[in-house]
């Protein structure tokens, strides 16, 4: 079987036969050909399916976000997105999509109601890639500095920030809360491992009238034994610089 090529690698495949797998990002059909812009996690590429190609009828009727597998030859074309296109010989629809509800210039309310579909957009795809890079940079920096990663419980019996901001829950007949921070566990563990860090969700139930308030967010925290205030400031500054450079 032919090995899959990621769309981001197309620029190195000029003149070669490739197999692509992805979803239809845009599509436009004429009587004798279809122009299908295919996307995967690495990018987008225009694929031309001409009459006579295997699967041409399916290419004509497949809607946006249909999942597709195709094979064809890569050709350089300055007019195409990314400067290359694929001349398709075999076009196979894995799953036909229904009419996609998200069009251009949609309201934030509609995008939130269809979040499971909006995450497929190029904007959010890039956002998640940046987020992944940031988290990777945090892990890399702390480990390079001799820190150990620690996970603490998300369900706790006590508050560490404020008693009025806790999310209360039932825990086998007793009261428990979603954690606000790993802080109290970290203070105990720092006396053992000395340098520790954690990346985990934190929960704050304080009410807010602003749209910027987050009841749940991801927290990168560190705890160090034998560190002065100046040592801590230096660590934080270097961490931010490292993240930005990554």
Protein backbone atom coordinates (compact mmCIF):
# COMPACT_ATOMS: atom_id res chain seq x y z
CA UNK A 1 0.00 0.00 0.00
CA UNK A 2 1.17 3.53 -0.78
CA UNK A 3 2.29 5.48 2.28
CA UNK A 4 0.33 8.59 3.17
CA UNK A 5 1.84 12.00 2.40
CA UNK A 6 0.98 14.93 4.68
CA UNK A 7 -0.10 18.05 2.81
CA UNK A 8 2.68 20.05 4.48
CA UNK A 9 5.19 17.85 2.61
CA UNK A 10 3.71 18.53 -0.86
CA UNK A 11 6.38 21.12 -1.71
CA UNK A 12 9.01 18.34 -1.72
CA UNK A 13 6.94 16.03 -3.93
CA UNK A 14 6.77 17.93 -7.23
CA UNK A 15 6.17 15.46 -10.06
CA UNK A 16 5.63 12.52 -7.71
CA UNK A 17 2.61 10.30 -7.16
CA UNK A 18 1.15 10.73 -3.66
CA UNK A 19 -1.68 9.54 -1.45
CA UNK A 20 -3.49 12.16 0.62
CA UNK A 21 -6.07 11.75 3.37
CA UNK A 22 -8.05 14.64 4.79
CA UNK A 23 -11.24 16.68 4.74
CA UNK A 24 -12.70 18.97 2.10
CA UNK A 25 -11.94 22.57 3.04
CA UNK A 26 -13.53 24.15 -0.03
CA UNK A 27 -14.97 22.74 -3.23
CA UNK A 28 -16.06 24.07 -6.61
CA UNK A 29 -17.37 21.96 -9.45
CA UNK A 30 -17.71 22.49 -13.18
CA UNK A 31 -19.19 20.15 -15.75
CA UNK A 32 -15.93 18.37 -16.53
CA UNK A 33 -13.84 18.92 -13.37
CA UNK A 34 -13.93 19.59 -9.67
CA UNK A 35 -11.53 21.78 -7.70
CA UNK A 36 -11.28 20.33 -4.20
CA UNK A 37 -9.18 22.12 -1.58
CA UNK A 38 -8.19 19.37 0.84
CA UNK A 39 -6.98 19.96 4.39
CA UNK A 40 -5.20 17.92 7.01
CA UNK A 41 -3.48 19.00 10.20
CA UNK A 42 -0.40 20.16 8.29
CA UNK A 43 -1.99 22.42 5.64
CA UNK A 44 -4.24 22.73 2.60
CA UNK A 45 -3.76 21.89 -1.08
CA UNK A 46 -5.88 22.20 -4.21
CA UNK A 47 -6.75 18.90 -5.90
CA UNK A 48 -8.10 18.81 -9.44
CA UNK A 49 -10.43 15.91 -10.27
CA UNK A 50 -11.18 15.72 -14.00
CA UNK A 51 -13.95 13.82 -15.74
CA UNK A 52 -12.72 10.28 -16.33
CA UNK A 53 -10.84 10.07 -13.03
CA UNK A 54 -12.00 7.30 -10.74
CA UNK A 55 -14.50 8.74 -8.24
CA UNK A 56 -15.26 11.87 -10.31
CA UNK A 57 -19.01 11.64 -9.58
CA UNK A 58 -18.33 11.54 -5.84
CA UNK A 59 -16.01 14.54 -6.12
CA UNK A 60 -18.84 16.45 -7.79
CA UNK A 61 -21.28 15.86 -4.94
CA UNK A 62 -19.06 15.72 -1.84
CA UNK A 63 -19.66 18.69 0.47
CA UNK A 64 -17.34 20.64 2.77
CA UNK A 65 -15.90 18.49 5.61
CA UNK A 66 -16.44 15.20 3.77
CA UNK A 67 -13.54 12.88 4.63
CA UNK A 68 -11.54 11.90 1.55
CA UNK A 69 -8.68 9.69 0.43
CA UNK A 70 -7.11 10.35 -2.95
CA UNK A 71 -4.08 9.59 -5.06
CA UNK A 72 -2.59 11.77 -7.76
CA UNK A 73 0.45 13.59 -9.11
CA UNK A 74 1.83 16.78 -7.61
CA UNK A 75 2.29 19.70 -10.01
CA UNK A 76 3.72 23.15 -9.36
CA UNK A 77 1.12 25.87 -9.97
CA UNK A 78 1.63 29.42 -8.68
CA UNK A 79 -2.15 30.07 -8.83
CA UNK A 80 -2.96 27.28 -6.38
CA UNK A 81 -2.95 27.66 -2.58
CA UNK A 82 0.61 26.93 -1.44
CA UNK A 83 1.91 27.00 -5.02
CA UNK A 84 1.17 23.31 -5.77
CA UNK A 85 -1.82 21.25 -6.80
CA UNK A 86 -2.58 17.57 -7.17
CA UNK A 87 -3.87 16.08 -10.42
CA UNK A 88 -6.13 13.36 -9.05
CA UNK A 89 -6.38 9.90 -10.58
CA UNK A 90 -8.39 8.18 -7.84
CA UNK A 91 -10.83 10.03 -5.54
CA UNK A 92 -12.55 8.12 -2.74
CA UNK A 93 -14.99 9.58 -0.22
CA UNK A 94 -14.70 7.87 3.15
CA UNK A 95 -17.67 9.76 4.61
CA UNK A 96 -20.07 12.18 2.93
CA UNK A 97 -20.72 15.25 5.11
CA UNK A 98 -24.05 16.97 5.50
CA UNK A 99 -24.44 20.67 4.72
CA UNK A 100 -21.88 22.50 6.90
CA UNK A 101 -23.70 25.00 9.17
CA UNK A 102 -20.80 27.46 9.56
CA UNK A 103 -20.37 30.06 6.83
CA UNK A 104 -18.21 33.19 6.71
CA UNK A 105 -18.85 36.02 9.19
CA UNK A 106 -20.86 33.96 11.67
CA UNK A 107 -21.90 35.20 15.11
CA UNK A 108 -19.91 34.15 18.20
CA UNK A 109 -23.07 32.49 19.54
CA UNK A 110 -23.38 30.19 16.51
CA UNK A 111 -19.67 29.34 16.66
CA UNK A 112 -19.94 28.42 20.35
CA UNK A 113 -23.06 26.31 19.70
CA UNK A 114 -21.11 24.45 16.99
CA UNK A 115 -17.76 24.38 18.76
CA UNK A 116 -17.18 20.72 17.82
CA UNK A 117 -17.22 21.82 14.16
CA UNK A 118 -15.54 25.23 14.58
CA UNK A 119 -12.40 23.54 15.96
CA UNK A 120 -11.81 22.39 12.36
CA UNK A 121 -11.26 25.99 11.22
CA UNK A 122 -7.80 27.19 10.19
CA UNK A 123 -7.92 29.84 12.94
CA UNK A 124 -8.47 27.37 15.77
CA UNK A 125 -6.14 24.79 14.24
CA UNK A 126 -3.33 27.37 14.44
CA UNK A 127 -4.41 28.37 17.95
CA UNK A 128 -4.17 24.78 19.21
CA UNK A 129 -0.75 24.39 17.57
CA UNK A 130 0.51 27.49 19.37
CA UNK A 131 -0.94 26.22 22.65
CA UNK A 132 0.77 22.85 22.17
CA UNK A 133 4.09 24.57 21.48
CA UNK A 134 3.75 26.72 24.60
CA UNK A 135 3.00 23.71 26.82
CA UNK A 136 5.91 21.81 25.29
CA UNK A 137 8.21 24.77 25.95
CA UNK A 138 7.14 24.93 29.61
CA UNK A 139 7.82 21.21 30.06
CA UNK A 140 11.18 21.51 28.27
CA UNK A 141 12.35 24.49 30.30
CA UNK A 142 11.53 23.02 33.71
CA UNK A 143 13.03 19.62 32.92
CA UNK A 144 16.19 21.25 31.61
CA UNK A 145 16.45 23.08 34.95
CA UNK A 146 16.21 19.84 36.93
CA UNK A 147 12.52 20.03 37.90
CA UNK A 148 10.30 17.00 38.39
CA UNK A 149 6.74 16.98 37.06
CA UNK A 150 4.14 16.25 39.72
CA UNK A 151 0.39 15.63 39.43
CA UNK A 152 -1.83 16.58 42.36
CA UNK A 153 -5.48 15.64 43.01
CA UNK A 154 -8.22 17.61 41.25
CA UNK A 155 -10.69 16.78 44.05
CA UNK A 156 -9.71 18.16 47.44
CA UNK A 157 -11.09 18.63 50.95
CA UNK A 158 -9.80 22.15 51.47
CA UNK A 159 -9.47 25.61 49.94
CA UNK A 160 -6.11 27.22 49.23
CA UNK A 161 -7.26 30.58 47.81
CA UNK A 162 -10.67 31.52 49.22
CA UNK A 163 -13.55 29.60 50.76
CA UNK A 164 -16.22 31.46 48.77
CA UNK A 165 -14.73 30.59 45.38
CA UNK A 166 -14.92 26.81 45.58
CA UNK A 167 -16.86 24.48 43.31
CA UNK A 168 -18.52 22.15 45.82
CA UNK A 169 -19.36 18.54 44.94
CA UNK A 170 -20.64 15.41 46.63
CA UNK A 171 -17.91 12.86 47.27
CA UNK A 172 -19.26 9.55 48.59
CA UNK A 173 -21.52 11.30 51.09
CA UNK A 174 -18.98 13.95 52.09
CA UNK A 175 -18.27 17.48 50.89
CA UNK A 176 -15.38 17.95 48.49
CA UNK A 177 -14.22 20.64 46.08
CA UNK A 178 -12.56 21.07 42.72
CA UNK A 179 -9.02 22.27 43.25
CA UNK A 180 -8.03 25.93 42.96
CA UNK A 181 -4.32 25.13 42.81
CA UNK A 182 -1.79 22.39 43.56
CA UNK A 183 -0.19 24.77 46.08
CA UNK A 184 -0.73 22.88 49.33
CA UNK A 185 0.43 19.57 47.86
CA UNK A 186 3.43 21.33 46.31
CA UNK A 187 4.59 22.75 49.63
CA UNK A 188 4.77 19.22 51.04
CA UNK A 189 6.45 17.72 47.98
CA UNK A 190 9.07 20.49 47.66
CA UNK A 191 10.64 19.23 50.89
CA UNK A 192 11.25 15.94 49.12
CA UNK A 193 12.04 16.64 45.46
CA UNK A 194 13.09 20.31 45.95
CA UNK A 195 12.24 21.47 42.39
CA UNK A 196 8.80 20.54 41.10
CA UNK A 197 6.25 21.81 38.60
CA UNK A 198 2.74 20.99 37.45
CA UNK A 199 0.57 21.85 34.44
CA UNK A 200 -3.07 21.12 35.28
CA UNK A 201 -6.57 22.65 35.33
CA UNK A 202 -7.63 24.91 38.20
CA UNK A 203 -11.19 25.86 39.09
CA UNK A 204 -12.35 29.20 40.53
CA UNK A 205 -16.04 29.76 41.26
CA UNK A 206 -15.88 33.52 41.86
CA UNK A 207 -18.55 35.41 39.92
CA UNK A 208 -17.55 37.92 37.30
CA UNK A 209 -19.41 40.25 34.99
CA UNK A 210 -16.63 40.39 32.42
CA UNK A 211 -16.29 38.12 29.40
CA UNK A 212 -12.64 37.50 30.30
CA UNK A 213 -13.37 35.50 33.45
CA UNK A 214 -12.55 31.80 33.37
CA UNK A 215 -14.08 29.41 35.87
CA UNK A 216 -11.69 26.71 34.61
CA UNK A 217 -8.22 27.34 33.23
CA UNK A 218 -4.88 25.57 32.88
CA UNK A 219 -2.23 26.51 35.39
CA UNK A 220 1.56 26.15 35.11
CA UNK A 221 2.93 26.26 38.65
CA UNK A 222 6.32 25.61 40.21
CA UNK A 223 7.62 25.20 43.73
CA UNK A 224 11.27 25.35 44.72
CA UNK A 225 13.19 24.73 47.95
CA UNK A 226 16.22 26.89 48.74
CA UNK A 227 15.21 29.64 46.29
CA UNK A 228 15.37 33.34 47.16
CA UNK A 229 12.87 35.85 45.82
CA UNK A 230 15.47 36.95 43.26
CA UNK A 231 16.02 33.33 42.21
CA UNK A 232 12.27 32.97 41.65
CA UNK A 233 12.04 36.16 39.58
CA UNK A 234 14.96 35.04 37.41
CA UNK A 235 13.34 31.65 36.84
CA UNK A 236 10.04 33.24 35.80
CA UNK A 237 11.70 35.71 33.43
CA UNK A 238 13.76 32.97 31.78
CA UNK A 239 10.66 30.77 31.43
CA UNK A 240 8.72 33.48 29.59
CA UNK A 241 11.72 34.22 27.34
CA UNK A 242 12.10 30.52 26.55
CA UNK A 243 8.41 30.19 25.65
CA UNK A 244 8.55 33.22 23.34
CA UNK A 245 11.67 31.94 21.58
CA UNK A 246 10.11 28.53 21.03
